Amino acid sequence: MAAAYLEAAIEDGDQGALMMALRHVAQAQGGVAEIARRSHLSREATYRMLSKDGNPELRSFTALLAGAGLRLSVRPMESRVKKAA
């Protein structure tokens, strides 16, 4: 469920919304401090990252996801219908 929620936030394209969605996931899994502990990040830095203005580096973002039991993955975009020449 958390993965689908975060995926929808990613598809929306709003980084602030994604950070807030990740914060909601963290709160549902014991709180931001608990996710920070599991992610091996400081509580203060994690609160900053999980704000609407949060802009974590990729390593911090992936650590947060791992702390929530998730991971980042890449997949091909849905194919688009090709126009005939």
Protein backbone atom coordinates (compact mmCIF):
# COMPACT_ATOMS: atom_id res chain seq x y z
CA MET A 1 0.00 0.00 0.00
CA ALA A 2 2.81 2.44 0.86
CA ALA A 3 4.54 1.66 -2.43
CA ALA A 4 1.41 2.46 -4.46
CA TYR A 5 0.89 5.68 -2.49
CA LEU A 6 4.46 6.84 -3.14
CA GLU A 7 4.32 5.76 -6.78
CA ALA A 8 1.22 7.91 -7.28
CA ALA A 9 3.05 10.86 -5.69
CA ILE A 10 6.01 10.31 -8.02
CA GLU A 11 3.77 10.17 -11.08
CA ASP A 12 2.20 13.47 -10.01
CA GLY A 13 5.63 15.06 -10.46
CA ASP A 14 5.46 17.35 -7.41
CA GLN A 15 8.55 16.86 -5.24
CA GLY A 16 6.95 18.55 -2.23
CA ALA A 17 3.97 16.20 -2.45
CA LEU A 18 6.34 13.22 -2.68
CA MET A 19 8.22 14.29 0.44
CA MET A 20 4.94 14.76 2.32
CA ALA A 21 3.73 11.34 1.12
CA LEU A 22 6.96 9.77 2.38
CA ARG A 23 6.44 11.58 5.69
CA HIS A 24 2.93 10.07 5.93
CA VAL A 25 4.40 6.62 5.28
CA ALA A 26 7.00 7.25 7.99
CA GLN A 27 4.31 8.32 10.45
CA ALA A 28 2.32 5.18 9.69
CA GLN A 29 5.42 3.05 10.38
CA GLY A 30 6.23 4.34 13.83
CA GLY A 31 7.07 7.97 13.19
CA VAL A 32 9.75 10.04 11.55
CA ALA A 33 12.24 9.40 14.36
CA GLU A 34 11.84 5.63 13.90
CA ILE A 35 12.36 5.86 10.12
CA ALA A 36 15.43 8.04 10.76
CA ARG A 37 16.83 5.38 13.11
CA ARG A 38 16.18 2.58 10.61
CA SER A 39 17.68 4.70 7.82
CA HIS A 40 20.81 5.56 9.85
CA LEU A 41 20.07 9.27 9.39
CA SER A 42 19.75 11.98 12.02
CA ARG A 43 16.24 12.73 13.22
CA GLU A 44 16.67 16.43 12.48
CA ALA A 45 17.87 15.85 8.92
CA THR A 46 15.04 13.40 8.33
CA TYR A 47 12.43 15.92 9.48
CA ARG A 48 13.95 18.49 7.10
CA MET A 49 13.96 16.02 4.20
CA LEU A 50 10.37 15.02 4.85
CA SER A 51 9.03 18.55 4.62
CA LYS A 52 7.28 20.15 1.67
CA ASP A 53 10.55 21.92 0.84
CA GLY A 54 12.68 18.80 1.39
CA ASN A 55 15.29 18.12 -1.26
CA PRO A 56 17.29 15.07 -0.17
CA GLU A 57 20.25 13.71 -2.07
CA LEU A 58 19.65 10.40 -3.81
CA ARG A 59 21.58 8.44 -1.15
CA SER A 60 19.45 9.97 1.61
CA PHE A 61 16.25 9.37 -0.32
CA THR A 62 17.12 5.72 -0.93
CA ALA A 63 18.10 5.33 2.74
CA LEU A 64 14.69 6.69 3.76
CA LEU A 65 12.95 4.30 1.40
CA ALA A 66 15.00 1.39 2.76
CA GLY A 67 14.09 2.43 6.31
CA ALA A 68 10.45 2.15 5.26
CA GLY A 69 11.07 -1.26 3.68
CA LEU A 70 10.94 0.10 0.13
CA ARG A 71 13.38 0.68 -2.72
CA LEU A 72 13.63 2.89 -5.76
CA SER A 73 13.28 1.19 -9.14
CA VAL A 74 13.21 2.25 -12.76
CA ARG A 75 10.95 0.86 -15.44
CA PRO A 76 10.27 1.71 -19.06
CA MET A 77 7.64 4.29 -19.82
CA GLU A 78 4.42 3.00 -21.28
CA SER A 79 4.86 2.78 -25.03
CA ARG A 80 3.23 5.48 -27.07
CA VAL A 81 1.43 4.86 -30.30
CA LYS A 82 3.80 5.65 -33.17
CA LYS A 83 2.49 7.91 -35.91
CA ALA A 84 2.63 6.59 -39.44
CA ALA A 85 4.99 8.52 -41.70
